[in-house]
Structure formats: structure tokens, C-alpha cells
Amino acid sequence: MKKQYRSRLMASVHETAEGLHEARVMDKITLRQFDELCLTPVKPLQPEEILAIRQHEQAS
């Protein structure tokens, strides 16, 4: 699934944070804080909504 950022600026900040994490300069806890800051929140789905999405994907 593609990440959805709050803005282009937040995408750049998050990608930099991911690079720092990969270089072992930033720990996972700090990276999670950047996730919350930069990524759009995920809306919980009801089982019926998940089923509708899956059925739509199969029909396409």
C-alpha cells in the first residue's frame, strides 16, 4: 500500500527520517513519531466496508 502524506513537505521530512533510520542514526520509536506527524491517519474500517472493497477489486 502506498503511503499517503499530509503534504509534499511532510513526505520529504518523512523520507529523510526513514533514511536516518536505515542508517541507524534514528531509532524505531522516533521514526514512529515521524509516522504520526507526517502520514495521514488511517480510518478503521468495518467488516462490511472491507468486504465491499474486496468485491470491487475482484470485479475490476
PDB file of N, CA and C in Angstrom:
ATOM      1  N   MET A   1       0.844  -1.175   0.000  1.00  0.00           N
ATOM      2  CA  MET A   1       0.000   0.000   0.000  1.00  0.00           C
ATOM      3  C   MET A   1       0.892   1.242   0.000  1.00  0.00           C
ATOM      4  N   LYS A   2       0.539   2.190  -0.833  1.00  0.00           N
ATOM      5  CA  LYS A   2       1.297   3.425  -0.941  1.00  0.00           C
ATOM      6  C   LYS A   2       1.026   4.319   0.268  1.00  0.00           C
ATOM      7  N   LYS A   3       2.080   4.952   0.751  1.00  0.00           N
ATOM      8  CA  LYS A   3       1.927   5.861   1.882  1.00  0.00           C
ATOM      9  C   LYS A   3       1.273   7.149   1.409  1.00  0.00           C
ATOM     10  N   GLN A   4       0.404   7.690   2.237  1.00  0.00           N
ATOM     11  CA  GLN A   4      -0.227   8.964   1.923  1.00  0.00           C
ATOM     12  C   GLN A   4       0.236   9.981   2.957  1.00  0.00           C
ATOM     13  N   TYR A   5       0.838  11.025   2.451  1.00  0.00           N
ATOM     14  CA  TYR A   5       1.397  12.058   3.318  1.00  0.00           C
ATOM     15  C   TYR A   5       0.441  13.235   3.445  1.00  0.00           C
ATOM     16  N   ARG A   6       0.594  13.972   4.528  1.00  0.00           N
ATOM     17  CA  ARG A   6      -0.245  15.155   4.763  1.00  0.00           C
ATOM     18  C   ARG A   6       0.048  16.256   3.748  1.00  0.00           C
ATOM     19  N   SER A   7       1.297  16.315   3.263  1.00  0.00           N
ATOM     20  CA  SER A   7       1.684  17.307   2.264  1.00  0.00           C
ATOM     21  C   SER A   7       3.001  16.862   1.629  1.00  0.00           C
ATOM     22  N   ARG A   8       3.435  17.567   0.589  1.00  0.00           N
ATOM     23  CA  ARG A   8       4.718  17.254  -0.039  1.00  0.00           C
ATOM     24  C   ARG A   8       5.871  17.512   0.922  1.00  0.00           C
ATOM     25  N   LEU A   9       5.739  18.550   1.723  1.00  0.00           N
ATOM     26  CA  LEU A   9       6.767  18.854   2.712  1.00  0.00           C
ATOM     27  C   LEU A   9       6.888  17.714   3.722  1.00  0.00           C
ATOM     28  N   MET A  10       5.760  17.223   4.201  1.00  0.00           N
ATOM     29  CA  MET A  10       5.780  16.118   5.162  1.00  0.00           C
ATOM     30  C   MET A  10       6.346  14.847   4.526  1.00  0.00           C
ATOM     31  N   ALA A  11       6.112  14.648   3.231  1.00  0.00           N
ATOM     32  CA  ALA A  11       6.684  13.497   2.527  1.00  0.00           C
ATOM     33  C   ALA A  11       8.203  13.583   2.536  1.00  0.00           C
ATOM     34  N   SER A  12       8.722  14.761   2.264  1.00  0.00           N
ATOM     35  CA  SER A  12      10.174  14.952   2.261  1.00  0.00           C
ATOM     36  C   SER A  12      10.774  14.743   3.644  1.00  0.00           C
ATOM     37  N   VAL A  13      10.123  15.279   4.657  1.00  0.00           N
ATOM     38  CA  VAL A  13      10.599  15.120   6.036  1.00  0.00           C
ATOM     39  C   VAL A  13      10.594  13.640   6.417  1.00  0.00           C
ATOM     40  N   HIS A  14       9.521  12.936   6.070  1.00  0.00           N
ATOM     41  CA  HIS A  14       9.400  11.526   6.437  1.00  0.00           C
ATOM     42  C   HIS A  14      10.437  10.672   5.704  1.00  0.00           C
ATOM     43  N   GLU A  15      10.651  10.948   4.431  1.00  0.00           N
ATOM     44  CA  GLU A  15      11.644  10.193   3.673  1.00  0.00           C
ATOM     45  C   GLU A  15      13.046  10.402   4.257  1.00  0.00           C
ATOM     46  N   THR A  16      13.332  11.607   4.720  1.00  0.00           N
ATOM     47  CA  THR A  16      14.615  11.878   5.377  1.00  0.00           C
ATOM     48  C   THR A  16      14.717  11.086   6.673  1.00  0.00           C
ATOM     49  N   ALA A  17      13.639  11.062   7.442  1.00  0.00           N
ATOM     50  CA  ALA A  17      13.626  10.306   8.694  1.00  0.00           C
ATOM     51  C   ALA A  17      13.825   8.816   8.421  1.00  0.00           C
ATOM     52  N   GLU A  18      13.197   8.293   7.359  1.00  0.00           N
ATOM     53  CA  GLU A  18      13.388   6.888   7.015  1.00  0.00           C
ATOM     54  C   GLU A  18      14.844   6.601   6.659  1.00  0.00           C
ATOM     55  N   GLY A  19      15.482   7.530   5.942  1.00  0.00           N
ATOM     56  CA  GLY A  19      16.893   7.378   5.608  1.00  0.00           C
ATOM     57  C   GLY A  19      17.768   7.355   6.847  1.00  0.00           C
ATOM     58  N   LEU A  20      17.459   8.231   7.797  1.00  0.00           N
ATOM     59  CA  LEU A  20      18.214   8.247   9.053  1.00  0.00           C
ATOM     60  C   LEU A  20      18.023   6.942   9.822  1.00  0.00           C
ATOM     61  N   HIS A  21      16.814   6.401   9.769  1.00  0.00           N
ATOM     62  CA  HIS A  21      16.549   5.129  10.444  1.00  0.00           C
ATOM     63  C   HIS A  21      17.331   4.001   9.773  1.00  0.00           C
ATOM     64  N   GLU A  22      17.330   3.985   8.449  1.00  0.00           N
ATOM     65  CA  GLU A  22      18.079   2.951   7.726  1.00  0.00           C
ATOM     66  C   GLU A  22      19.581   3.045   8.008  1.00  0.00           C
ATOM     67  N   ALA A  23      20.082   4.274   8.212  1.00  0.00           N
ATOM     68  CA  ALA A  23      21.499   4.482   8.524  1.00  0.00           C
ATOM     69  C   ALA A  23      21.801   4.226  10.000  1.00  0.00           C
ATOM     70  N   ARG A  24      20.763   3.836  10.744  1.00  0.00           N
ATOM     71  CA  ARG A  24      20.866   3.537  12.173  1.00  0.00           C
ATOM     72  C   ARG A  24      21.244   4.761  13.011  1.00  0.00           C
ATOM     73  N   VAL A  25      20.833   5.931  12.538  1.00  0.00           N
ATOM     74  CA  VAL A  25      21.047   7.168  13.281  1.00  0.00           C
ATOM     75  C   VAL A  25      19.802   7.506  14.112  1.00  0.00           C
ATOM     76  N   MET A  26      18.648   6.990  13.678  1.00  0.00           N
ATOM     77  CA  MET A  26      17.381   7.253  14.360  1.00  0.00           C
ATOM     78  C   MET A  26      16.764   5.918  14.775  1.00  0.00           C
ATOM     79  N   ASP A  27      16.243   5.867  15.995  1.00  0.00           N
ATOM     80  CA  ASP A  27      15.634   4.615  16.448  1.00  0.00           C
ATOM     81  C   ASP A  27      14.197   4.489  15.947  1.00  0.00           C
ATOM     82  N   LYS A  28      13.646   3.287  16.095  1.00  0.00           N
ATOM     83  CA  LYS A  28      12.306   2.986  15.585  1.00  0.00           C
ATOM     84  C   LYS A  28      11.224   3.798  16.288  1.00  0.00           C
ATOM     85  N   ILE A  29      11.396   4.054  17.572  1.00  0.00           N
ATOM     86  CA  ILE A  29      10.397   4.829  18.315  1.00  0.00           C
ATOM     87  C   ILE A  29      10.301   6.245  17.748  1.00  0.00           C
ATOM     88  N   THR A  30      11.433   6.852  17.466  1.00  0.00           N
ATOM     89  CA  THR A  30      11.426   8.200  16.893  1.00  0.00           C
ATOM     90  C   THR A  30      10.813   8.180  15.501  1.00  0.00           C
ATOM     91  N   LEU A  31      11.124   7.142  14.713  1.00  0.00           N
ATOM     92  CA  LEU A  31      10.539   7.032  13.379  1.00  0.00           C
ATOM     93  C   LEU A  31       9.014   6.925  13.471  1.00  0.00           C
ATOM     94  N   ARG A  32       8.507   6.207  14.450  1.00  0.00           N
ATOM     95  CA  ARG A  32       7.047   6.110  14.632  1.00  0.00           C
ATOM     96  C   ARG A  32       6.437   7.476  14.934  1.00  0.00           C
ATOM     97  N   GLN A  33       7.168   8.304  15.662  1.00  0.00           N
ATOM     98  CA  GLN A  33       6.671   9.654  15.928  1.00  0.00           C
ATOM     99  C   GLN A  33       6.599  10.452  14.629  1.00  0.00           C
ATOM    100  N   PHE A  34       7.568  10.261  13.745  1.00  0.00           N
ATOM    101  CA  PHE A  34       7.517  10.920  12.433  1.00  0.00           C
ATOM    102  C   PHE A  34       6.355  10.367  11.611  1.00  0.00           C
ATOM    103  N   ASP A  35       6.071   9.072  11.742  1.00  0.00           N
ATOM    104  CA  ASP A  35       4.918   8.495  11.048  1.00  0.00           C
ATOM    105  C   ASP A  35       3.637   9.235  11.440  1.00  0.00           C
ATOM    106  N   GLU A  36       3.449   9.411  12.734  1.00  0.00           N
ATOM    107  CA  GLU A  36       2.241  10.092  13.225  1.00  0.00           C
ATOM    108  C   GLU A  36       2.172  11.536  12.745  1.00  0.00           C
ATOM    109  N   LEU A  37       3.310  12.192  12.666  1.00  0.00           N
ATOM    110  CA  LEU A  37       3.361  13.587  12.253  1.00  0.00           C
ATOM    111  C   LEU A  37       3.128  13.756  10.756  1.00  0.00           C
ATOM    112  N   CYS A  38       3.716  12.871   9.950  1.00  0.00           N
ATOM    113  CA  CYS A  38       3.768  13.077   8.509  1.00  0.00           C
ATOM    114  C   CYS A  38       2.710  12.331   7.700  1.00  0.00           C
ATOM    115  N   LEU A  39       2.290  11.158   8.175  1.00  0.00           N
ATOM    116  CA  LEU A  39       1.355  10.342   7.399  1.00  0.00           C
ATOM    117  C   LEU A  39      -0.090  10.672   7.760  1.00  0.00           C
ATOM    118  N   THR A  40      -0.961  10.504   6.777  1.00  0.00           N
ATOM    119  CA  THR A  40      -2.378  10.736   7.056  1.00  0.00           C
ATOM    120  C   THR A  40      -2.877   9.630   7.973  1.00  0.00           C
ATOM    121  N   PRO A  41      -3.809   9.940   8.874  1.00  0.00           N
ATOM    122  CA  PRO A  41      -4.321   8.906   9.775  1.00  0.00           C
ATOM    123  C   PRO A  41      -5.113   7.848   9.010  1.00  0.00           C
ATOM    124  N   VAL A  42      -5.047   6.631   9.508  1.00  0.00           N
ATOM    125  CA  VAL A  42      -5.766   5.520   8.889  1.00  0.00           C
ATOM    126  C   VAL A  42      -7.119   5.384   9.568  1.00  0.00           C
ATOM    127  N   LYS A  43      -8.164   5.381   8.754  1.00  0.00           N
ATOM    128  CA  LYS A  43      -9.518   5.254   9.285  1.00  0.00           C
ATOM    129  C   LYS A  43      -9.849   3.772   9.457  1.00  0.00           C
ATOM    130  N   PRO A  44     -10.235   3.350  10.652  1.00  0.00           N
ATOM    131  CA  PRO A  44     -10.622   1.948  10.827  1.00  0.00           C
ATOM    132  C   PRO A  44     -11.861   1.623   9.995  1.00  0.00           C
ATOM    133  N   LEU A  45     -11.863   0.457   9.389  1.00  0.00           N
ATOM    134  CA  LEU A  45     -12.983   0.037   8.554  1.00  0.00           C
ATOM    135  C   LEU A  45     -13.801  -1.034   9.249  1.00  0.00           C
ATOM    136  N   GLN A  46     -15.090  -1.006   9.001  1.00  0.00           N
ATOM    137  CA  GLN A  46     -15.996  -2.036   9.486  1.00  0.00           C
ATOM    138  C   GLN A  46     -15.875  -3.248   8.554  1.00  0.00           C
ATOM    139  N   PRO A  47     -16.188  -4.440   9.025  1.00  0.00           N
ATOM    140  CA  PRO A  47     -16.083  -5.635   8.177  1.00  0.00           C
ATOM    141  C   PRO A  47     -16.848  -5.508   6.854  1.00  0.00           C
ATOM    142  N   GLU A  48     -18.001  -4.861   6.893  1.00  0.00           N
ATOM    143  CA  GLU A  48     -18.798  -4.696   5.673  1.00  0.00           C
ATOM    144  C   GLU A  48     -18.063  -3.824   4.652  1.00  0.00           C
ATOM    145  N   GLU A  49     -17.359  -2.809   5.134  1.00  0.00           N
ATOM    146  CA  GLU A  49     -16.610  -1.930   4.240  1.00  0.00           C
ATOM    147  C   GLU A  49     -15.445  -2.672   3.582  1.00  0.00           C
ATOM    148  N   ILE A  50     -14.774  -3.527   4.341  1.00  0.00           N
ATOM    149  CA  ILE A  50     -13.674  -4.322   3.801  1.00  0.00           C
ATOM    150  C   ILE A  50     -14.194  -5.266   2.729  1.00  0.00           C
ATOM    151  N   LEU A  51     -15.307  -5.911   3.001  1.00  0.00           N
ATOM    152  CA  LEU A  51     -15.912  -6.824   2.039  1.00  0.00           C
ATOM    153  C   LEU A  51     -16.281  -6.088   0.748  1.00  0.00           C
ATOM    154  N   ALA A  52     -16.848  -4.907   0.858  1.00  0.00           N
ATOM    155  CA  ALA A  52     -17.227  -4.121  -0.327  1.00  0.00           C
ATOM    156  C   ALA A  52     -15.992  -3.766  -1.154  1.00  0.00           C
ATOM    157  N   ILE A  53     -14.904  -3.418  -0.493  1.00  0.00           N
ATOM    158  CA  ILE A  53     -13.661  -3.088  -1.213  1.00  0.00           C
ATOM    159  C   ILE A  53     -13.139  -4.323  -1.945  1.00  0.00           C
ATOM    160  N   ARG A  54     -13.123  -5.451  -1.274  1.00  0.00           N
ATOM    161  CA  ARG A  54     -12.622  -6.686  -1.887  1.00  0.00           C
ATOM    162  C   ARG A  54     -13.487  -7.099  -3.075  1.00  0.00           C
ATOM    163  N   GLN A  55     -14.792  -6.957  -2.951  1.00  0.00           N
ATOM    164  CA  GLN A  55     -15.671  -7.325  -4.047  1.00  0.00           C
ATOM    165  C   GLN A  55     -15.473  -6.382  -5.237  1.00  0.00           C
ATOM    166  N   HIS A  56     -15.226  -5.125  -4.961  1.00  0.00           N
ATOM    167  CA  HIS A  56     -14.992  -4.151  -6.020  1.00  0.00           C
ATOM    168  C   HIS A  56     -13.680  -4.475  -6.748  1.00  0.00           C
ATOM    169  N   GLU A  57     -12.640  -4.876  -6.001  1.00  0.00           N
ATOM    170  CA  GLU A  57     -11.348  -5.218  -6.600  1.00  0.00           C
ATOM    171  C   GLU A  57     -11.479  -6.456  -7.481  1.00  0.00           C
ATOM    172  N   GLN A  58     -12.279  -7.422  -7.063  1.00  0.00           N
ATOM    173  CA  GLN A  58     -12.455  -8.646  -7.870  1.00  0.00           C
ATOM    174  C   GLN A  58     -13.216  -8.342  -9.139  1.00  0.00           C
ATOM    175  N   ALA A  59     -14.128  -7.394  -9.085  1.00  0.00           N
ATOM    176  CA  ALA A  59     -14.937  -7.053 -10.270  1.00  0.00           C
ATOM    177  C   ALA A  59     -14.119  -6.264 -11.287  1.00  0.00           C
ATOM    178  N   SER A  60     -13.083  -5.568 -10.834  1.00  0.00           N
ATOM    179  CA  SER A  60     -12.280  -4.736 -11.760  1.00  0.00           C
ATOM    180  C   SER A  60     -11.334  -5.561 -12.588  1.00  0.00           C
TER     181      SER A  60
END
